[in-house]
Structures are given as structure tokens and as C-alpha cells.
Amino acid sequence: MSFFKEFKEFAMKGNVMDLAVGVIIGGAFGKIVTSLVDNILMPLIGVVTNGQNFNDSFVLLNTSKGEHFASLAAAKAAGAPVFAYGAFIQSIIDFIIIAFCIFLLVKFMNKINKKADPAAAEPTAQEKLLMEIRDAIKSK
């Protein structure tokens, strides 16, 4: 029974709960970023690239049959092997945006922690007493 007790203590620690909250918020944030890329950024990029829809960009891998598909969805529905590089480009853009936001968050948290450090850098009363004892022993 000690194994289950140990697991319960681990699961109820604050860090595990913070991680769970972080995963849930991260999932929601990922959906927001995906929507931003799909609905705002990629259409703007499409305007710059003369209306090319990157999400629908693909290369048909088996061209020996002479098949041609108007869209990626039609090619996948027909079971044709495709190299869907447009969806991959969108995933890379999603990743870059999320990584940049995490970078900004970590940078902000480090800045906050640096401001809190000077108060923590001052030795406690016990540490001061130990330093005095050390110095008194050295002087003898």
C-alpha cells in the first residue's frame, strides 16, 4: 500500500497540478494559434502569393496513372499518395508562433524572478550567526 500512498503524494503535489493546468491552457492556446494561422495569416500570405492556398498545396506522388486532382481533399478521398507540403508549412508557422510566445513568457518570468532575487540574496539571521561563528573561529 505504500506504493499507492507515494503515488498519491506525487500526484497531489503542486507541481503536478500546475503542469495539468499548463497542459490544458496550452491546448486551448494551440487552438487559438491554429485559428490565427488558418484564418488570418495564411489568407494574407495567399493575397501576396496571388491567391495560392497553402493548405491545399500538394504534389501527387504517383503520376504514372495520369491522374489529376483539383484539391488535396479530392486526392486524399481517391486514396492517391500525396506530399501535402502546404499543411506542413502551416504547422511550421503554428510552431514558430507558439515557440515565440513561450519564449516571451519565459523571458517575462525570468525578469520577474530577477527583481525578486535581491530580497532573497540577503542572508537570514541564522546564516549571519553562522558567518560570525566562522569568522570568530578563523580569527583564533
N, C-alpha and C. Protein backbone atom coordinates (compact mmCIF):
# COMPACT_ATOMS: atom_id res chain seq x y z
N MET A 1 0.81 -1.21 0.00
CA MET A 1 0.00 0.00 0.00
C MET A 1 0.85 1.26 0.00
N SER A 2 2.13 1.17 0.37
CA SER A 2 2.97 2.36 0.39
C SER A 2 3.20 2.91 -1.02
N PHE A 3 3.18 2.04 -2.03
CA PHE A 3 3.34 2.48 -3.41
C PHE A 3 2.22 3.43 -3.79
N PHE A 4 0.98 3.07 -3.46
CA PHE A 4 -0.17 3.92 -3.79
C PHE A 4 -0.14 5.22 -2.99
N LYS A 5 0.30 5.14 -1.75
CA LYS A 5 0.41 6.34 -0.93
C LYS A 5 1.46 7.29 -1.53
N GLU A 6 2.57 6.73 -1.96
CA GLU A 6 3.62 7.53 -2.56
C GLU A 6 3.13 8.17 -3.87
N PHE A 7 2.39 7.39 -4.67
CA PHE A 7 1.84 7.93 -5.92
C PHE A 7 0.85 9.05 -5.64
N LYS A 8 0.01 8.88 -4.62
CA LYS A 8 -0.96 9.90 -4.26
C LYS A 8 -0.25 11.19 -3.84
N GLU A 9 0.81 11.07 -3.05
CA GLU A 9 1.56 12.25 -2.64
C GLU A 9 2.18 12.94 -3.85
N PHE A 10 2.70 12.15 -4.79
CA PHE A 10 3.29 12.71 -6.01
C PHE A 10 2.23 13.44 -6.83
N ALA A 11 1.08 12.79 -7.01
CA ALA A 11 0.03 13.36 -7.86
C ALA A 11 -0.59 14.61 -7.25
N MET A 12 -0.56 14.73 -5.95
CA MET A 12 -1.19 15.87 -5.30
C MET A 12 -0.22 17.02 -5.05
N LYS A 13 1.03 16.86 -5.44
CA LYS A 13 1.98 17.96 -5.28
C LYS A 13 1.56 19.12 -6.17
N GLY A 14 1.92 20.31 -5.79
CA GLY A 14 1.56 21.50 -6.55
C GLY A 14 2.10 21.48 -7.96
N ASN A 15 3.32 20.95 -8.15
CA ASN A 15 3.92 20.96 -9.48
C ASN A 15 3.11 20.14 -10.48
N VAL A 16 2.57 19.02 -10.05
CA VAL A 16 1.79 18.17 -10.96
C VAL A 16 0.49 18.88 -11.33
N MET A 17 -0.13 19.52 -10.38
CA MET A 17 -1.36 20.24 -10.67
C MET A 17 -1.08 21.44 -11.58
N ASP A 18 0.03 22.13 -11.34
CA ASP A 18 0.41 23.25 -12.21
C ASP A 18 0.66 22.75 -13.63
N LEU A 19 1.29 21.59 -13.75
CA LEU A 19 1.54 21.01 -15.07
C LEU A 19 0.23 20.68 -15.78
N ALA A 20 -0.71 20.13 -15.04
CA ALA A 20 -2.01 19.79 -15.64
C ALA A 20 -2.72 21.05 -16.15
N VAL A 21 -2.70 22.09 -15.35
CA VAL A 21 -3.31 23.35 -15.77
C VAL A 21 -2.59 23.89 -17.00
N GLY A 22 -1.26 23.80 -17.00
CA GLY A 22 -0.47 24.26 -18.14
C GLY A 22 -0.80 23.51 -19.42
N VAL A 23 -0.99 22.20 -19.31
CA VAL A 23 -1.32 21.40 -20.49
C VAL A 23 -2.69 21.80 -21.04
N ILE A 24 -3.65 22.01 -20.16
CA ILE A 24 -4.99 22.40 -20.60
C ILE A 24 -4.96 23.77 -21.26
N ILE A 25 -4.29 24.72 -20.63
CA ILE A 25 -4.19 26.06 -21.22
C ILE A 25 -3.39 26.01 -22.51
N GLY A 26 -2.35 25.20 -22.56
CA GLY A 26 -1.55 25.06 -23.77
C GLY A 26 -2.36 24.52 -24.93
N GLY A 27 -3.24 23.55 -24.65
CA GLY A 27 -4.11 23.01 -25.70
C GLY A 27 -5.04 24.08 -26.25
N ALA A 28 -5.61 24.87 -25.36
CA ALA A 28 -6.50 25.95 -25.80
C ALA A 28 -5.72 27.00 -26.57
N PHE A 29 -4.53 27.31 -26.11
CA PHE A 29 -3.69 28.30 -26.80
C PHE A 29 -3.30 27.79 -28.19
N GLY A 30 -3.03 26.50 -28.29
CA GLY A 30 -2.71 25.90 -29.59
C GLY A 30 -3.85 26.06 -30.58
N LYS A 31 -5.08 25.92 -30.11
CA LYS A 31 -6.24 26.10 -30.99
C LYS A 31 -6.35 27.55 -31.45
N ILE A 32 -6.05 28.47 -30.55
CA ILE A 32 -6.10 29.89 -30.91
C ILE A 32 -5.05 30.20 -31.97
N VAL A 33 -3.84 29.68 -31.78
CA VAL A 33 -2.77 29.93 -32.74
C VAL A 33 -3.11 29.29 -34.09
N THR A 34 -3.65 28.07 -34.08
CA THR A 34 -4.04 27.41 -35.32
C THR A 34 -5.10 28.24 -36.04
N SER A 35 -6.07 28.77 -35.32
CA SER A 35 -7.08 29.62 -35.93
C SER A 35 -6.45 30.89 -36.49
N LEU A 36 -5.52 31.48 -35.76
CA LEU A 36 -4.83 32.67 -36.24
C LEU A 36 -4.11 32.39 -37.55
N VAL A 37 -3.41 31.27 -37.61
CA VAL A 37 -2.66 30.93 -38.83
C VAL A 37 -3.62 30.61 -39.97
N ASP A 38 -4.62 29.74 -39.71
CA ASP A 38 -5.54 29.31 -40.76
C ASP A 38 -6.42 30.43 -41.29
N ASN A 39 -6.92 31.27 -40.39
CA ASN A 39 -7.95 32.24 -40.77
C ASN A 39 -7.46 33.66 -41.01
N ILE A 40 -6.25 33.98 -40.54
CA ILE A 40 -5.76 35.35 -40.70
C ILE A 40 -4.45 35.40 -41.48
N LEU A 41 -3.43 34.67 -41.01
CA LEU A 41 -2.11 34.77 -41.65
C LEU A 41 -2.07 34.13 -43.03
N MET A 42 -2.57 32.91 -43.16
CA MET A 42 -2.47 32.22 -44.45
C MET A 42 -3.28 32.91 -45.54
N PRO A 43 -4.47 33.45 -45.26
CA PRO A 43 -5.15 34.22 -46.32
C PRO A 43 -4.35 35.45 -46.74
N LEU A 44 -3.69 36.13 -45.79
CA LEU A 44 -2.85 37.27 -46.14
C LEU A 44 -1.66 36.83 -47.00
N ILE A 45 -1.07 35.71 -46.65
CA ILE A 45 0.02 35.17 -47.46
C ILE A 45 -0.51 34.77 -48.83
N GLY A 46 -1.72 34.25 -48.89
CA GLY A 46 -2.35 33.92 -50.16
C GLY A 46 -2.53 35.13 -51.06
N VAL A 47 -2.87 36.27 -50.46
CA VAL A 47 -3.01 37.50 -51.25
C VAL A 47 -1.65 37.89 -51.84
N VAL A 48 -0.61 37.78 -51.04
CA VAL A 48 0.74 38.13 -51.51
C VAL A 48 1.21 37.17 -52.60
N THR A 49 0.79 35.90 -52.51
CA THR A 49 1.23 34.90 -53.49
C THR A 49 0.18 34.66 -54.58
N ASN A 50 -0.59 35.67 -54.90
CA ASN A 50 -1.61 35.62 -55.96
C ASN A 50 -2.67 34.55 -55.74
N GLY A 51 -3.17 34.47 -54.54
CA GLY A 51 -4.30 33.61 -54.24
C GLY A 51 -3.99 32.14 -54.01
N GLN A 52 -2.71 31.79 -53.88
CA GLN A 52 -2.39 30.39 -53.64
C GLN A 52 -2.77 30.00 -52.22
N ASN A 53 -3.53 28.92 -52.09
CA ASN A 53 -3.94 28.40 -50.79
C ASN A 53 -2.91 27.37 -50.35
N PHE A 54 -2.07 27.74 -49.38
CA PHE A 54 -1.01 26.84 -48.94
C PHE A 54 -1.56 25.56 -48.32
N ASN A 55 -2.69 25.66 -47.65
CA ASN A 55 -3.25 24.47 -47.02
C ASN A 55 -3.62 23.41 -48.05
N ASP A 56 -3.93 23.82 -49.25
CA ASP A 56 -4.33 22.90 -50.31
C ASP A 56 -3.18 22.59 -51.27
N SER A 57 -1.97 23.01 -50.93
CA SER A 57 -0.82 22.76 -51.79
C SER A 57 -0.30 21.34 -51.58
N PHE A 58 -0.14 20.63 -52.69
CA PHE A 58 0.34 19.25 -52.60
C PHE A 58 0.99 18.85 -53.92
N VAL A 59 1.73 17.76 -53.84
CA VAL A 59 2.34 17.16 -55.03
C VAL A 59 1.86 15.72 -55.07
N LEU A 60 1.34 15.32 -56.20
CA LEU A 60 0.89 13.95 -56.39
C LEU A 60 2.12 13.07 -56.60
N LEU A 61 2.26 12.04 -55.77
CA LEU A 61 3.47 11.21 -55.82
C LEU A 61 3.42 10.15 -56.92
N ASN A 62 2.25 9.68 -57.26
CA ASN A 62 2.13 8.63 -58.27
C ASN A 62 1.51 9.23 -59.52
N THR A 63 2.33 9.78 -60.39
CA THR A 63 1.81 10.44 -61.59
C THR A 63 1.77 9.52 -62.80
N SER A 64 2.14 8.26 -62.63
CA SER A 64 2.18 7.34 -63.77
C SER A 64 0.78 7.00 -64.29
N LYS A 65 -0.24 7.16 -63.46
CA LYS A 65 -1.61 6.85 -63.87
C LYS A 65 -2.26 8.01 -64.61
N GLY A 66 -1.59 9.14 -64.67
CA GLY A 66 -2.14 10.30 -65.38
C GLY A 66 -3.27 10.98 -64.63
N GLU A 67 -3.37 10.75 -63.33
CA GLU A 67 -4.45 11.35 -62.54
C GLU A 67 -4.13 12.82 -62.25
N HIS A 68 -5.18 13.59 -62.12
CA HIS A 68 -5.05 14.99 -61.73
C HIS A 68 -6.21 15.31 -60.79
N PHE A 69 -5.91 15.96 -59.69
CA PHE A 69 -6.93 16.28 -58.70
C PHE A 69 -6.94 17.79 -58.48
N ALA A 70 -8.13 18.33 -58.36
CA ALA A 70 -8.28 19.77 -58.19
C ALA A 70 -7.91 20.23 -56.79
N SER A 71 -8.04 19.34 -55.81
CA SER A 71 -7.74 19.74 -54.44
C SER A 71 -7.10 18.58 -53.69
N LEU A 72 -6.51 18.93 -52.56
CA LEU A 72 -5.90 17.93 -51.69
C LEU A 72 -6.96 16.98 -51.15
N ALA A 73 -8.12 17.51 -50.80
CA ALA A 73 -9.20 16.69 -50.28
C ALA A 73 -9.65 15.66 -51.31
N ALA A 74 -9.73 16.06 -52.57
CA ALA A 74 -10.13 15.13 -53.63
C ALA A 74 -9.08 14.05 -53.83
N ALA A 75 -7.81 14.41 -53.75
CA ALA A 75 -6.74 13.42 -53.90
C ALA A 75 -6.75 12.42 -52.76
N LYS A 76 -6.94 12.92 -51.54
CA LYS A 76 -6.98 12.02 -50.38
C LYS A 76 -8.21 11.13 -50.43
N ALA A 77 -9.34 11.67 -50.86
CA ALA A 77 -10.57 10.88 -50.96
C ALA A 77 -10.41 9.75 -51.97
N ALA A 78 -9.63 9.99 -53.03
CA ALA A 78 -9.40 8.96 -54.04
C ALA A 78 -8.33 7.98 -53.61
N GLY A 79 -7.68 8.25 -52.49
CA GLY A 79 -6.64 7.36 -51.99
C GLY A 79 -5.30 7.52 -52.70
N ALA A 80 -5.12 8.64 -53.37
CA ALA A 80 -3.88 8.88 -54.10
C ALA A 80 -2.77 9.28 -53.12
N PRO A 81 -1.55 8.81 -53.35
CA PRO A 81 -0.43 9.22 -52.48
C PRO A 81 -0.03 10.65 -52.78
N VAL A 82 -0.04 11.48 -51.75
CA VAL A 82 0.27 12.90 -51.93
C VAL A 82 1.32 13.35 -50.92
N PHE A 83 2.06 14.35 -51.31
CA PHE A 83 3.01 15.04 -50.45
C PHE A 83 2.39 16.39 -50.15
N ALA A 84 1.74 16.50 -48.99
CA ALA A 84 0.96 17.70 -48.63
C ALA A 84 1.87 18.71 -47.94
N TYR A 85 2.67 19.41 -48.71
CA TYR A 85 3.62 20.35 -48.13
C TYR A 85 2.95 21.61 -47.60
N GLY A 86 1.79 21.97 -48.09
CA GLY A 86 1.11 23.17 -47.62
C GLY A 86 0.67 23.06 -46.17
N ALA A 87 0.11 21.91 -45.81
CA ALA A 87 -0.29 21.69 -44.41
C ALA A 87 0.93 21.68 -43.50
N PHE A 88 2.04 21.17 -44.02
CA PHE A 88 3.28 21.15 -43.25
C PHE A 88 3.78 22.57 -43.01
N ILE A 89 3.69 23.42 -44.03
CA ILE A 89 4.10 24.83 -43.87
C ILE A 89 3.25 25.51 -42.81
N GLN A 90 1.95 25.23 -42.81
CA GLN A 90 1.07 25.82 -41.79
C GLN A 90 1.44 25.32 -40.40
N SER A 91 1.80 24.06 -40.28
CA SER A 91 2.21 23.52 -38.97
C SER A 91 3.49 24.18 -38.49
N ILE A 92 4.41 24.44 -39.40
CA ILE A 92 5.65 25.12 -39.03
C ILE A 92 5.36 26.53 -38.54
N ILE A 93 4.46 27.23 -39.22
CA ILE A 93 4.09 28.59 -38.79
C ILE A 93 3.43 28.53 -37.41
N ASP A 94 2.54 27.56 -37.18
CA ASP A 94 1.94 27.37 -35.86
C ASP A 94 3.02 27.21 -34.80
N PHE A 95 3.98 26.33 -35.09
CA PHE A 95 5.04 26.05 -34.13
C PHE A 95 5.86 27.29 -33.83
N ILE A 96 6.22 28.05 -34.86
CA ILE A 96 7.04 29.25 -34.65
C ILE A 96 6.31 30.26 -33.78
N ILE A 97 5.02 30.44 -34.03
CA ILE A 97 4.25 31.39 -33.21
C ILE A 97 4.17 30.93 -31.76
N ILE A 98 3.87 29.64 -31.55
CA ILE A 98 3.79 29.13 -30.18
C ILE A 98 5.15 29.21 -29.50
N ALA A 99 6.22 28.84 -30.19
CA ALA A 99 7.56 28.91 -29.60
C ALA A 99 7.93 30.34 -29.23
N PHE A 100 7.56 31.29 -30.09
CA PHE A 100 7.85 32.70 -29.80
C PHE A 100 7.08 33.17 -28.58
N CYS A 101 5.81 32.79 -28.47
CA CYS A 101 5.01 33.18 -27.30
C CYS A 101 5.57 32.57 -26.02
N ILE A 102 6.01 31.33 -26.08
CA ILE A 102 6.61 30.69 -24.90
C ILE A 102 7.91 31.39 -24.54
N PHE A 103 8.71 31.74 -25.56
CA PHE A 103 9.94 32.49 -25.31
C PHE A 103 9.64 33.79 -24.58
N LEU A 104 8.64 34.53 -25.06
CA LEU A 104 8.28 35.79 -24.40
C LEU A 104 7.82 35.56 -22.97
N LEU A 105 7.05 34.50 -22.74
CA LEU A 105 6.58 34.19 -21.38
C LEU A 105 7.74 33.85 -20.46
N VAL A 106 8.67 33.02 -20.92
CA VAL A 106 9.83 32.65 -20.10
C VAL A 106 10.70 33.88 -19.84
N LYS A 107 10.88 34.71 -20.85
CA LYS A 107 11.67 35.94 -20.67
C LYS A 107 11.02 36.84 -19.63
N PHE A 108 9.69 36.96 -19.68
CA PHE A 108 8.95 37.76 -18.70
C PHE A 108 9.09 37.19 -17.29
N MET A 109 8.98 35.87 -17.17
CA MET A 109 9.10 35.23 -15.86
C MET A 109 10.52 35.39 -15.30
N ASN A 110 11.53 35.29 -16.15
CA ASN A 110 12.90 35.50 -15.69
C ASN A 110 13.11 36.92 -15.22
N LYS A 111 12.49 37.88 -15.89
CA LYS A 111 12.60 39.28 -15.49
C LYS A 111 11.95 39.49 -14.12
N ILE A 112 10.81 38.85 -13.90
CA ILE A 112 10.14 38.96 -12.60
C ILE A 112 10.99 38.32 -11.51
N ASN A 113 11.57 37.16 -11.80
CA ASN A 113 12.39 36.46 -10.81
C ASN A 113 13.66 37.24 -10.48
N LYS A 114 14.24 37.96 -11.45
CA LYS A 114 15.43 38.77 -11.17
C LYS A 114 15.10 39.90 -10.22
N LYS A 115 13.90 40.46 -10.34
CA LYS A 115 13.50 41.54 -9.43
C LYS A 115 13.29 41.00 -8.02
N ALA A 116 12.88 39.76 -7.89
CA ALA A 116 12.62 39.17 -6.57
C ALA A 116 13.90 38.68 -5.91
N ASP A 117 14.96 38.46 -6.66
CA ASP A 117 16.19 37.90 -6.12
C ASP A 117 16.92 38.78 -5.10
N PRO A 118 17.00 40.10 -5.25
CA PRO A 118 17.75 40.88 -4.27
C PRO A 118 17.25 40.71 -2.84
N ALA A 119 15.99 40.57 -2.63
CA ALA A 119 15.47 40.36 -1.27
C ALA A 119 15.88 38.98 -0.77
N ALA A 120 15.91 38.00 -1.64
CA ALA A 120 16.28 36.65 -1.23
C ALA A 120 17.79 36.52 -1.05
N ALA A 121 18.58 37.44 -1.63
CA ALA A 121 20.03 37.35 -1.56
C ALA A 121 20.55 37.73 -0.18
N GLU A 122 19.80 38.48 0.60
CA GLU A 122 20.24 38.86 1.93
C GLU A 122 20.21 37.65 2.85
N PRO A 123 21.29 37.40 3.58
CA PRO A 123 21.33 36.20 4.44
C PRO A 123 20.33 36.31 5.60
N THR A 124 19.85 35.16 6.00
CA THR A 124 18.93 35.09 7.12
C THR A 124 19.69 35.32 8.42
N ALA A 125 18.95 35.47 9.51
CA ALA A 125 19.58 35.68 10.82
C ALA A 125 20.46 34.48 11.20
N GLN A 126 20.00 33.28 10.88
CA GLN A 126 20.77 32.08 11.18
C GLN A 126 22.07 32.05 10.37
N GLU A 127 21.98 32.44 9.10
CA GLU A 127 23.17 32.47 8.26
C GLU A 127 24.16 33.52 8.77
N LYS A 128 23.66 34.67 9.21
CA LYS A 128 24.52 35.71 9.76
C LYS A 128 25.24 35.20 11.00
N LEU A 129 24.53 34.50 11.87
CA LEU A 129 25.12 33.94 13.08
C LEU A 129 26.20 32.92 12.74
N LEU A 130 25.92 32.07 11.78
CA LEU A 130 26.91 31.08 11.35
C LEU A 130 28.15 31.75 10.76
N MET A 131 27.96 32.84 10.01
CA MET A 131 29.11 33.56 9.46
C MET A 131 29.95 34.19 10.58
N GLU A 132 29.29 34.70 11.62
CA GLU A 132 30.02 35.28 12.75
C GLU A 132 30.81 34.21 13.47
N ILE A 133 30.20 33.04 13.64
CA ILE A 133 30.92 31.93 14.29
C ILE A 133 32.11 31.51 13.45
N ARG A 134 31.91 31.41 12.15
CA ARG A 134 33.01 31.05 11.24
C ARG A 134 34.14 32.06 11.33
N ASP A 135 33.78 33.34 11.32
CA ASP A 135 34.81 34.38 11.38
C ASP A 135 35.55 34.37 12.73
N ALA A 136 34.80 34.09 13.81
CA ALA A 136 35.45 34.02 15.13
C ALA A 136 36.41 32.83 15.21
N ILE A 137 36.05 31.72 14.61
CA ILE A 137 36.93 30.55 14.62
C ILE A 137 38.18 30.82 13.78
N LYS A 138 38.02 31.48 12.64
CA LYS A 138 39.17 31.83 11.79
C LYS A 138 40.13 32.77 12.47
N SER A 139 39.64 33.70 13.28
CA SER A 139 40.49 34.69 13.94
C SER A 139 41.29 34.09 15.09
N LYS A 140 40.96 32.92 15.58
CA LYS A 140 41.69 32.29 16.71
C LYS A 140 42.89 31.58 16.27
